[in-house]
Amino acid sequence: MKLRFVSRKLALITLPVLLCCGVLTYAVAQKKSASKTPDDPLIAAYKKTYPASVSDAVELVTGKNGTMWHDMKLINGTPIVGRAVTSLVKPAPPEAATPALSTKHSVEMIDEAKPGEVGVIVMEGTLDIAAMGNLMATAARVREMAGMVLDGAIRDVWDIRRMGLTVYARSISPRTAVGHYATVARNVPVECAGVTVRPGDIIVADEDGVVVVPQERAEEVLKKAQEIDDRERGMFPFIRQYKSLQEAIKKFNRI
């Protein structure tokens, strides 16, 4: 009788615990499932291409350069592909460059970003002031952004490397925008390191540099980039077999 009472007591204690664990397990599973949303088919396809091929393809399809200036370098992280979201920052007097106003549109852009998007911040007229630091980087990381591209400086590099956020920037500097710069708009076309970037354009980047694909020509550019990749894949064995790059160039019309 006593044993049966103990068993019933244990059951009464255990059931809520199991239910609670079940709810927590389900919530965690749902969160993981939500964070692994499938790629846009175009983005998924671009992830299989080389940025160098995409750079060539943009010029061939549009007749314009789509590659950012040579000093836009990978500061930390891995190659990225994603749709752009933007923020524009301009010089401002101290009263208009308060802590809130100096980053207002950049912060809003990050806080509203979807997983896999690439933040593009343009600091007009300077490479000596940081466009972002570890606080904005933390927000970008938890929003699951693919990375950030900064026409300006990055600071708190040690911390950004620790958290694993991918960042491309034109310089590194500890100087703050507060008192000097203020954001003026978000999700507008911006001139970033020599290339126009509009919200929704596709950013393709690795250690070679950063390429911008105009969204309305993205399918054409992708097809051309894939053709270039396929041609190059055929060139490697040809060069190994015949030990001649000149003959490979003649045959494949590619270098």
Protein backbone atom coordinates (compact mmCIF):
# COMPACT_ATOMS: atom_id res chain seq x y z
CA MET A 1 0.00 0.00 0.00
CA LYS A 2 2.82 2.32 0.97
CA LEU A 3 4.71 1.41 -2.22
CA ARG A 4 1.67 2.17 -4.38
CA PHE A 5 1.32 5.57 -2.67
CA VAL A 6 4.97 6.39 -3.35
CA SER A 7 4.57 5.37 -7.00
CA ARG A 8 1.52 7.61 -7.38
CA LYS A 9 3.41 10.48 -5.72
CA LEU A 10 6.36 10.00 -8.05
CA ALA A 11 4.02 9.96 -11.02
CA LEU A 12 2.43 13.23 -9.92
CA ILE A 13 5.90 14.82 -9.66
CA THR A 14 7.30 13.28 -12.82
CA LEU A 15 4.40 14.04 -15.17
CA PRO A 16 4.70 17.85 -14.99
CA VAL A 17 8.48 17.55 -15.40
CA LEU A 18 8.06 15.38 -18.49
CA LEU A 19 5.45 17.74 -19.90
CA CYS A 20 7.71 20.70 -19.26
CA CYS A 21 10.67 18.92 -20.89
CA GLY A 22 8.47 18.00 -23.81
CA VAL A 23 7.38 21.60 -24.31
CA LEU A 24 10.98 22.82 -24.07
CA THR A 25 12.19 20.15 -26.50
CA TYR A 26 9.44 21.08 -28.95
CA ALA A 27 10.26 24.80 -28.63
CA VAL A 28 13.96 24.16 -29.25
CA ALA A 29 13.14 21.96 -32.25
CA GLN A 30 10.82 24.62 -33.64
CA LYS A 31 13.48 27.29 -33.19
CA LYS A 32 16.09 25.15 -34.95
CA SER A 33 13.64 24.38 -37.74
CA ALA A 34 12.75 28.06 -38.16
CA SER A 35 16.43 29.08 -38.32
CA LYS A 36 17.11 26.60 -41.12
CA THR A 37 14.82 28.12 -43.70
CA PRO A 38 15.71 26.98 -47.22
CA ASP A 39 17.73 29.28 -49.45
CA ASP A 40 16.20 31.32 -52.23
CA PRO A 41 17.00 29.09 -55.27
CA LEU A 42 19.06 31.87 -56.85
CA ILE A 43 21.12 32.34 -53.69
CA ALA A 44 21.66 28.58 -53.39
CA ALA A 45 22.88 28.46 -57.01
CA TYR A 46 25.23 31.41 -56.56
CA LYS A 47 26.79 29.66 -53.55
CA LYS A 48 28.09 27.03 -55.97
CA THR A 49 29.85 29.56 -58.22
CA TYR A 50 33.20 31.34 -57.93
CA PRO A 51 33.08 35.09 -57.23
CA ALA A 52 35.74 35.52 -59.96
CA SER A 53 33.38 33.88 -62.47
CA VAL A 54 30.51 36.03 -61.22
CA SER A 55 32.66 39.16 -61.62
CA ASP A 56 33.39 38.22 -65.25
CA ALA A 57 29.74 37.35 -65.84
CA VAL A 58 28.44 40.69 -64.51
CA GLU A 59 30.67 42.57 -66.99
CA LEU A 60 29.72 40.30 -69.89
CA VAL A 61 25.98 40.55 -69.19
CA THR A 62 25.64 44.19 -68.10
CA GLY A 63 28.66 45.81 -69.75
CA LYS A 64 29.57 47.32 -66.38
CA ASN A 65 31.97 46.49 -63.57
CA GLY A 66 30.29 44.87 -60.58
CA THR A 67 33.36 44.34 -58.41
CA MET A 68 34.13 46.64 -55.48
CA TRP A 69 37.47 48.41 -55.19
CA HIS A 70 40.55 46.34 -54.35
CA ASP A 71 40.75 47.61 -50.77
CA MET A 72 37.40 46.03 -49.83
CA LYS A 73 38.94 43.11 -47.96
CA LEU A 74 37.78 40.15 -45.91
CA ILE A 75 38.49 41.06 -42.29
CA ASN A 76 36.98 37.94 -40.79
CA GLY A 77 34.84 34.97 -41.70
CA THR A 78 34.09 32.98 -44.81
CA PRO A 79 32.80 33.50 -48.37
CA ILE A 80 29.23 34.81 -48.40
CA VAL A 81 26.28 35.07 -50.77
CA GLY A 82 23.11 36.95 -49.88
CA ARG A 83 20.72 39.74 -50.76
CA ALA A 84 21.76 43.24 -49.76
CA VAL A 85 20.17 45.51 -47.18
CA THR A 86 21.72 48.97 -46.92
CA SER A 87 22.45 51.96 -44.70
CA LEU A 88 23.87 55.36 -45.68
CA VAL A 89 25.95 57.44 -43.23
CA LYS A 90 27.09 61.04 -43.84
CA PRO A 91 29.20 63.67 -42.02
CA ALA A 92 27.15 65.61 -39.47
CA PRO A 93 27.66 68.31 -36.80
CA PRO A 94 28.00 67.03 -33.21
CA GLU A 95 24.39 67.87 -32.30
CA ALA A 96 23.17 65.66 -35.16
CA ALA A 97 25.70 62.90 -34.49
CA THR A 98 24.47 61.71 -31.11
CA PRO A 99 24.91 58.04 -30.07
CA ALA A 100 21.36 57.32 -31.27
CA LEU A 101 21.50 59.26 -34.55
CA SER A 102 25.02 58.20 -35.53
CA THR A 103 23.86 54.61 -36.00
CA LYS A 104 20.05 54.91 -36.18
CA HIS A 105 19.41 53.57 -39.71
CA SER A 106 22.23 51.05 -39.53
CA VAL A 107 20.79 49.64 -36.31
CA GLU A 108 17.27 49.54 -37.79
CA MET A 109 18.61 47.80 -40.88
CA ILE A 110 20.29 45.11 -38.78
CA ASP A 111 17.34 44.69 -36.40
CA GLU A 112 14.97 44.11 -39.33
CA ALA A 113 17.31 41.94 -41.40
CA LYS A 114 16.27 38.44 -42.42
CA PRO A 115 18.56 35.42 -41.98
CA GLY A 116 21.08 35.21 -44.80
CA GLU A 117 20.94 38.88 -45.80
CA VAL A 118 24.12 40.95 -46.20
CA GLY A 119 24.33 44.35 -44.53
CA VAL A 120 25.99 47.09 -46.59
CA ILE A 121 26.96 50.27 -44.71
CA VAL A 122 28.45 53.24 -46.55
CA MET A 123 30.36 55.93 -44.60
CA GLU A 124 30.59 58.80 -47.09
CA GLY A 125 34.00 60.44 -47.31
CA THR A 126 36.00 58.53 -44.71
CA LEU A 127 37.93 55.34 -44.09
CA ASP A 128 39.05 56.52 -40.65
CA ILE A 129 35.78 56.16 -38.73
CA ALA A 130 34.18 52.84 -37.85
CA ALA A 131 30.88 51.96 -39.50
CA MET A 132 30.26 49.35 -36.80
CA GLY A 133 31.77 47.58 -33.82
CA ASN A 134 31.06 44.61 -31.59
CA LEU A 135 27.55 45.66 -30.47
CA MET A 136 26.17 45.94 -34.00
CA ALA A 137 28.12 42.81 -34.92
CA THR A 138 26.45 40.91 -32.09
CA ALA A 139 23.03 41.98 -33.36
CA ALA A 140 23.93 40.94 -36.92
CA ARG A 141 25.11 37.57 -35.63
CA VAL A 142 21.93 36.81 -33.65
CA ARG A 143 19.81 37.93 -36.62
CA GLU A 144 21.71 35.23 -38.58
CA MET A 145 22.85 37.67 -41.25
CA ALA A 146 25.32 36.23 -43.77
CA GLY A 147 27.73 39.08 -43.06
CA MET A 148 28.50 42.78 -43.40
CA VAL A 149 30.18 44.85 -46.14
CA LEU A 150 31.49 48.22 -44.96
CA ASP A 151 32.60 51.13 -47.12
CA GLY A 152 34.41 52.55 -44.12
CA ALA A 153 36.21 51.10 -41.13
CA ILE A 154 35.49 48.26 -38.73
CA ARG A 155 36.50 48.26 -35.06
CA ASP A 156 36.50 45.71 -32.20
CA VAL A 157 38.04 43.27 -34.66
CA TRP A 158 39.26 40.91 -31.92
CA ASP A 159 35.69 40.50 -30.63
CA ILE A 160 34.15 40.16 -34.08
CA ARG A 161 36.64 37.40 -34.86
CA ARG A 162 35.72 35.69 -31.60
CA MET A 163 31.99 35.73 -32.42
CA GLY A 164 32.61 34.53 -35.99
CA LEU A 165 30.77 37.23 -37.95
CA THR A 166 31.87 37.61 -41.59
CA VAL A 167 32.92 41.20 -42.27
CA TYR A 168 34.36 42.85 -45.37
CA ALA A 169 35.66 46.39 -44.88
CA ARG A 170 37.95 48.92 -46.52
CA SER A 171 39.86 49.71 -43.33
CA ILE A 172 40.22 49.15 -39.59
CA SER A 173 39.99 52.02 -37.09
CA PRO A 174 38.94 52.43 -33.44
CA ARG A 175 37.36 55.87 -34.06
CA THR A 176 33.67 56.29 -33.32
CA ALA A 177 31.04 57.87 -35.57
CA VAL A 178 29.51 59.60 -32.55
CA GLY A 179 30.07 63.34 -32.82
CA HIS A 180 31.14 63.10 -36.47
CA TYR A 181 28.66 61.11 -38.58
CA ALA A 182 24.91 60.39 -38.68
CA THR A 183 22.90 57.87 -40.65
CA VAL A 184 20.49 59.41 -43.15
CA ALA A 185 18.63 56.47 -44.73
CA ARG A 186 18.30 52.70 -44.87
CA ASN A 187 17.40 50.34 -47.69
CA VAL A 188 18.20 52.90 -50.37
CA PRO A 189 20.66 52.62 -53.29
CA VAL A 190 24.21 53.35 -52.11
CA GLU A 191 27.60 53.74 -53.81
CA CYS A 192 29.76 51.18 -52.04
CA ALA A 193 33.46 51.02 -52.96
CA GLY A 194 32.78 52.07 -56.54
CA VAL A 195 29.68 49.98 -57.19
CA THR A 196 25.97 50.81 -56.84
CA VAL A 197 24.23 48.49 -54.40
CA ARG A 198 20.44 48.42 -54.11
CA PRO A 199 18.37 46.52 -51.57
CA GLY A 200 17.77 43.06 -53.00
CA ASP A 201 20.90 42.98 -55.17
CA ILE A 202 22.97 39.83 -54.66
CA ILE A 203 26.33 40.09 -52.92
CA VAL A 204 28.86 37.37 -53.80
CA ALA A 205 32.15 37.61 -51.89
CA ASP A 206 35.25 35.70 -50.90
CA GLU A 207 38.93 36.51 -50.30
CA ASP A 208 39.22 37.75 -53.90
CA GLY A 209 36.77 40.57 -53.22
CA VAL A 210 33.10 41.58 -53.28
CA VAL A 211 30.88 41.39 -56.38
CA VAL A 212 27.42 42.94 -56.74
CA VAL A 213 24.87 41.28 -59.03
CA PRO A 214 21.96 43.53 -60.12
CA GLN A 215 18.82 41.70 -59.04
CA GLU A 216 17.00 42.16 -62.36
CA ARG A 217 19.89 40.50 -64.25
CA ALA A 218 20.65 37.85 -61.62
CA GLU A 219 19.44 34.86 -63.64
CA GLU A 220 21.37 35.90 -66.75
CA VAL A 221 24.53 36.54 -64.71
CA LEU A 222 24.18 33.19 -62.94
CA LYS A 223 23.84 31.33 -66.24
CA LYS A 224 26.94 33.04 -67.63
CA ALA A 225 28.93 32.38 -64.43
CA GLN A 226 27.96 28.71 -64.57
CA GLU A 227 29.11 28.56 -68.20
CA ILE A 228 32.46 30.06 -67.18
CA ASP A 229 32.83 27.58 -64.31
CA ASP A 230 32.02 24.64 -66.61
CA ARG A 231 34.56 25.83 -69.18
CA GLU A 232 37.28 26.17 -66.55
CA ARG A 233 36.53 22.73 -65.15
CA GLY A 234 37.29 21.38 -68.62
CA MET A 235 40.53 23.35 -68.83
CA PHE A 236 42.24 21.86 -65.77
CA PRO A 237 42.51 18.29 -67.07
CA PHE A 238 43.45 19.63 -70.55
CA ILE A 239 46.35 21.66 -69.09
CA ARG A 240 47.51 18.69 -67.01
CA GLN A 241 47.37 16.37 -70.02
CA TYR A 242 49.02 18.60 -72.62
CA LYS A 243 51.14 20.70 -70.22
CA SER A 244 50.29 23.84 -72.18
CA LEU A 245 48.26 26.80 -71.01
CA GLN A 246 48.52 28.42 -74.46
CA GLU A 247 46.80 25.45 -76.10
CA ALA A 248 44.11 25.46 -73.42
CA ILE A 249 43.41 29.16 -74.02
CA LYS A 250 43.14 28.56 -77.76
CA LYS A 251 40.76 25.63 -77.28
CA PHE A 252 38.52 27.10 -74.56
CA ASN A 253 38.88 30.85 -75.27
CA ARG A 254 39.23 31.48 -71.56
CA ILE A 255 41.85 32.77 -69.12
